[in-house]
Amino acid sequence: MRDTRLNILASNIRAERVRKNLSQNKLAELIDVSENTIRKIEKGNQTPSAFIVYDIATVLNIPLDDLYKAVPKNKV
């Protein structure tokens, strides 16, 4: 069973990437990882290193802790 925290992180990365109108490929290029890495992270199949999470937050121009915040159920 996947960790709930990983699912939250994955969902938040994907949502923010889409909100910023970035493709998985472009985000991967900007942080110097493969598109496959981004795909796995967003599916919750790969736990990103702290460095990658930091780079993603920086590229998306959001506070790092926003990637770990759960969306309240009534906001979904």
C-alpha atoms as a PDB file:
ATOM      1  CA  MET A   1       0.000   0.000   0.000  1.00  0.00           C
ATOM      2  CA  ARG A   2       1.318   3.413  -0.914  1.00  0.00           C
ATOM      3  CA  ASP A   3       1.933   5.999   1.753  1.00  0.00           C
ATOM      4  CA  THR A   4      -0.749   8.698   1.975  1.00  0.00           C
ATOM      5  CA  ARG A   5       1.930  11.387   2.136  1.00  0.00           C
ATOM      6  CA  LEU A   6       3.337  10.229  -1.182  1.00  0.00           C
ATOM      7  CA  ASN A   7      -0.138  10.381  -2.724  1.00  0.00           C
ATOM      8  CA  ILE A   8      -0.613  13.941  -1.438  1.00  0.00           C
ATOM      9  CA  LEU A   9       2.765  15.007  -2.794  1.00  0.00           C
ATOM     10  CA  ALA A  10       2.090  13.364  -6.164  1.00  0.00           C
ATOM     11  CA  SER A  11      -1.341  14.981  -6.500  1.00  0.00           C
ATOM     12  CA  ASN A  12      -0.070  18.415  -5.520  1.00  0.00           C
ATOM     13  CA  ILE A  13       2.840  18.285  -7.951  1.00  0.00           C
ATOM     14  CA  ARG A  14       0.553  17.283 -10.800  1.00  0.00           C
ATOM     15  CA  ALA A  15      -2.126  19.853  -9.932  1.00  0.00           C
ATOM     16  CA  GLU A  16       0.369  22.694  -9.679  1.00  0.00           C
ATOM     17  CA  ARG A  17       2.160  21.646 -12.870  1.00  0.00           C
ATOM     18  CA  VAL A  18      -1.159  21.633 -14.746  1.00  0.00           C
ATOM     19  CA  ARG A  19      -2.135  24.971 -13.168  1.00  0.00           C
ATOM     20  CA  LYS A  20       1.139  26.449 -14.448  1.00  0.00           C
ATOM     21  CA  ASN A  21       0.419  24.955 -17.888  1.00  0.00           C
ATOM     22  CA  LEU A  22       3.611  22.898 -17.954  1.00  0.00           C
ATOM     23  CA  SER A  23       3.895  19.499 -19.598  1.00  0.00           C
ATOM     24  CA  GLN A  24       5.608  16.670 -17.776  1.00  0.00           C
ATOM     25  CA  ASN A  25       8.337  16.896 -20.369  1.00  0.00           C
ATOM     26  CA  LYS A  26       8.918  20.625 -19.789  1.00  0.00           C
ATOM     27  CA  LEU A  27       9.002  20.228 -15.992  1.00  0.00           C
ATOM     28  CA  ALA A  28      11.457  17.355 -16.380  1.00  0.00           C
ATOM     29  CA  GLU A  29      13.643  19.469 -18.640  1.00  0.00           C
ATOM     30  CA  LEU A  30      13.603  22.397 -16.204  1.00  0.00           C
ATOM     31  CA  ILE A  31      14.770  20.272 -13.272  1.00  0.00           C
ATOM     32  CA  ASP A  32      17.075  18.037 -15.319  1.00  0.00           C
ATOM     33  CA  VAL A  33      15.366  14.673 -14.833  1.00  0.00           C
ATOM     34  CA  SER A  34      13.638  12.381 -17.311  1.00  0.00           C
ATOM     35  CA  GLU A  35       9.990  12.739 -18.230  1.00  0.00           C
ATOM     36  CA  ASN A  36       9.565   9.177 -16.989  1.00  0.00           C
ATOM     37  CA  THR A  37      10.766  10.294 -13.544  1.00  0.00           C
ATOM     38  CA  ILE A  38       8.091  13.019 -13.418  1.00  0.00           C
ATOM     39  CA  ARG A  39       5.462  10.546 -14.605  1.00  0.00           C
ATOM     40  CA  LYS A  40       6.390   8.068 -11.847  1.00  0.00           C
ATOM     41  CA  ILE A  41       6.445  10.789  -9.185  1.00  0.00           C
ATOM     42  CA  GLU A  42       3.011  12.083 -10.231  1.00  0.00           C
ATOM     43  CA  LYS A  43       1.579   8.552 -10.156  1.00  0.00           C
ATOM     44  CA  GLY A  44       3.015   8.014  -6.680  1.00  0.00           C
ATOM     45  CA  ASN A  45       5.187   5.174  -7.948  1.00  0.00           C
ATOM     46  CA  GLN A  46       8.480   6.860  -7.116  1.00  0.00           C
ATOM     47  CA  THR A  47       9.484   8.757  -4.017  1.00  0.00           C
ATOM     48  CA  PRO A  48      11.425  11.825  -5.123  1.00  0.00           C
ATOM     49  CA  SER A  49      14.542  12.936  -3.306  1.00  0.00           C
ATOM     50  CA  ALA A  50      14.398  16.093  -1.218  1.00  0.00           C
ATOM     51  CA  PHE A  51      16.505  17.776  -3.894  1.00  0.00           C
ATOM     52  CA  ILE A  52      13.995  16.964  -6.635  1.00  0.00           C
ATOM     53  CA  VAL A  53      11.058  18.162  -4.527  1.00  0.00           C
ATOM     54  CA  TYR A  54      12.953  21.387  -3.836  1.00  0.00           C
ATOM     55  CA  ASP A  55      13.670  21.840  -7.549  1.00  0.00           C
ATOM     56  CA  ILE A  56      10.029  21.201  -8.463  1.00  0.00           C
ATOM     57  CA  ALA A  57       8.809  23.765  -5.917  1.00  0.00           C
ATOM     58  CA  THR A  58      11.350  26.279  -7.199  1.00  0.00           C
ATOM     59  CA  VAL A  59      10.375  25.808 -10.854  1.00  0.00           C
ATOM     60  CA  LEU A  60       6.669  25.954  -9.988  1.00  0.00           C
ATOM     61  CA  ASN A  61       7.355  29.061  -7.890  1.00  0.00           C
ATOM     62  CA  ILE A  62       5.501  27.814  -4.817  1.00  0.00           C
ATOM     63  CA  PRO A  63       6.513  27.298  -1.196  1.00  0.00           C
ATOM     64  CA  LEU A  64       7.969  23.848  -0.630  1.00  0.00           C
ATOM     65  CA  ASP A  65       5.472  23.015   2.108  1.00  0.00           C
ATOM     66  CA  ASP A  66       2.546  23.621  -0.279  1.00  0.00           C
ATOM     67  CA  LEU A  67       3.470  20.381  -2.011  1.00  0.00           C
ATOM     68  CA  TYR A  68       2.823  18.455   1.203  1.00  0.00           C
ATOM     69  CA  LYS A  69      -0.515  20.015   2.169  1.00  0.00           C
ATOM     70  CA  ALA A  70      -3.570  17.827   1.992  1.00  0.00           C
ATOM     71  CA  VAL A  71      -6.569  19.314   0.231  1.00  0.00           C
ATOM     72  CA  PRO A  72      -9.558  19.389   2.594  1.00  0.00           C
ATOM     73  CA  LYS A  73     -12.191  16.858   1.435  1.00  0.00           C
ATOM     74  CA  ASN A  74     -14.852  19.572   1.049  1.00  0.00           C
ATOM     75  CA  LYS A  75     -12.547  21.466  -1.375  1.00  0.00           C
ATOM     76  CA  VAL A  76     -12.202  18.555  -3.818  1.00  0.00           C
END
